[in-house]
Amino acid sequence: MKLINIGFGNMVSSARLVAIVSPESAPIKRIIQETREKGLLIDATYGRRTRAVIVMDSGHVVLSAIQPETVASRVGGGEIA
């Protein structure tokens, strides 16, 4: 199991990761609100601005304060295509 650092020492399993998206669009904001209401939102921003939204296969959504590109490069271990 490979763990990905999503900032401030927080880790997620790369095997459970479905998508890494930017939080600006209305559909993503709606997903965040719905998962918050269901109790499936994990806020790992430590009070900072949300820059990446990570969707997990369990239905959980994780908020991160680092850029989606940075998270993606950590998942792939290298360059972004």
Protein backbone atom coordinates (compact mmCIF):
# COMPACT_ATOMS: atom_id res chain seq x y z
CA MET A 1 0.00 0.00 0.00
CA LYS A 2 1.50 3.31 -1.10
CA LEU A 3 0.63 6.39 0.96
CA ILE A 4 0.55 9.85 -0.60
CA ASN A 5 1.40 12.95 1.44
CA ILE A 6 -1.43 15.48 0.98
CA GLY A 7 0.14 18.14 3.18
CA PHE A 8 0.94 18.76 6.86
CA GLY A 9 1.87 15.12 7.41
CA ASN A 10 -1.52 13.78 6.30
CA MET A 11 -1.56 10.72 4.05
CA VAL A 12 -4.08 8.93 1.83
CA SER A 13 -3.79 5.53 0.19
CA SER A 14 -3.03 5.76 -3.52
CA ALA A 15 -4.94 2.51 -4.11
CA ARG A 16 -8.18 4.09 -2.82
CA LEU A 17 -7.84 7.35 -4.77
CA VAL A 18 -10.37 7.99 -7.55
CA ALA A 19 -9.80 11.62 -8.55
CA ILE A 20 -7.88 14.78 -7.68
CA VAL A 21 -9.75 17.92 -8.72
CA SER A 22 -9.70 21.67 -8.23
CA PRO A 23 -12.41 23.06 -5.90
CA GLU A 24 -13.48 26.05 -8.02
CA SER A 25 -16.31 24.58 -10.10
CA ALA A 26 -19.92 24.53 -8.92
CA PRO A 27 -20.30 20.72 -9.24
CA ILE A 28 -17.26 20.15 -7.02
CA LYS A 29 -18.58 22.66 -4.47
CA ARG A 30 -21.85 20.72 -4.49
CA ILE A 31 -20.00 17.42 -3.93
CA ILE A 32 -18.14 18.98 -0.99
CA GLN A 33 -21.39 20.21 0.57
CA GLU A 34 -23.16 16.86 0.09
CA THR A 35 -20.32 14.86 1.64
CA ARG A 36 -20.14 17.34 4.53
CA GLU A 37 -23.84 16.72 5.22
CA LYS A 38 -23.31 12.93 5.07
CA GLY A 39 -20.33 13.12 7.43
CA LEU A 40 -17.89 11.80 4.82
CA LEU A 41 -15.80 14.98 4.40
CA ILE A 42 -12.24 14.99 5.72
CA ASP A 43 -10.73 18.47 6.00
CA ALA A 44 -6.93 18.23 5.97
CA THR A 45 -6.33 21.92 5.19
CA TYR A 46 -5.54 23.02 8.76
CA GLY A 47 -7.57 26.18 8.21
CA ARG A 48 -5.88 27.13 4.97
CA ARG A 49 -7.49 27.62 1.58
CA THR A 50 -8.63 24.41 -0.15
CA ARG A 51 -6.64 23.88 -3.33
CA ALA A 52 -7.27 20.20 -4.07
CA VAL A 53 -10.28 17.95 -3.57
CA ILE A 54 -9.44 14.25 -3.40
CA VAL A 55 -12.25 11.78 -4.06
CA MET A 56 -11.81 8.32 -2.55
CA ASP A 57 -13.45 5.04 -3.61
CA SER A 58 -15.16 4.77 -0.21
CA GLY A 59 -17.22 7.89 -0.92
CA HIS A 60 -15.07 10.06 1.33
CA VAL A 61 -13.85 13.42 0.06
CA VAL A 62 -10.58 14.84 1.37
CA LEU A 63 -9.74 18.56 1.22
CA SER A 64 -6.08 19.48 0.86
CA ALA A 65 -4.24 22.79 0.96
CA ILE A 66 -1.71 21.78 -1.71
CA GLN A 67 -2.16 22.09 -5.48
CA PRO A 68 -3.79 19.19 -7.41
CA GLU A 69 -0.71 19.02 -9.64
CA THR A 70 1.52 18.48 -6.62
CA VAL A 71 -0.68 15.68 -5.29
CA ALA A 72 -0.79 14.07 -8.75
CA SER A 73 3.00 14.18 -9.06
CA ARG A 74 3.30 12.49 -5.66
CA VAL A 75 0.90 9.76 -6.76
CA GLY A 76 2.80 9.10 -9.99
CA GLY A 77 6.15 9.61 -8.37
CA GLY A 78 7.26 11.75 -11.25
CA GLU A 79 6.21 14.05 -14.03
CA ILE A 80 2.63 15.01 -14.88
CA ALA A 81 1.55 14.17 -18.42
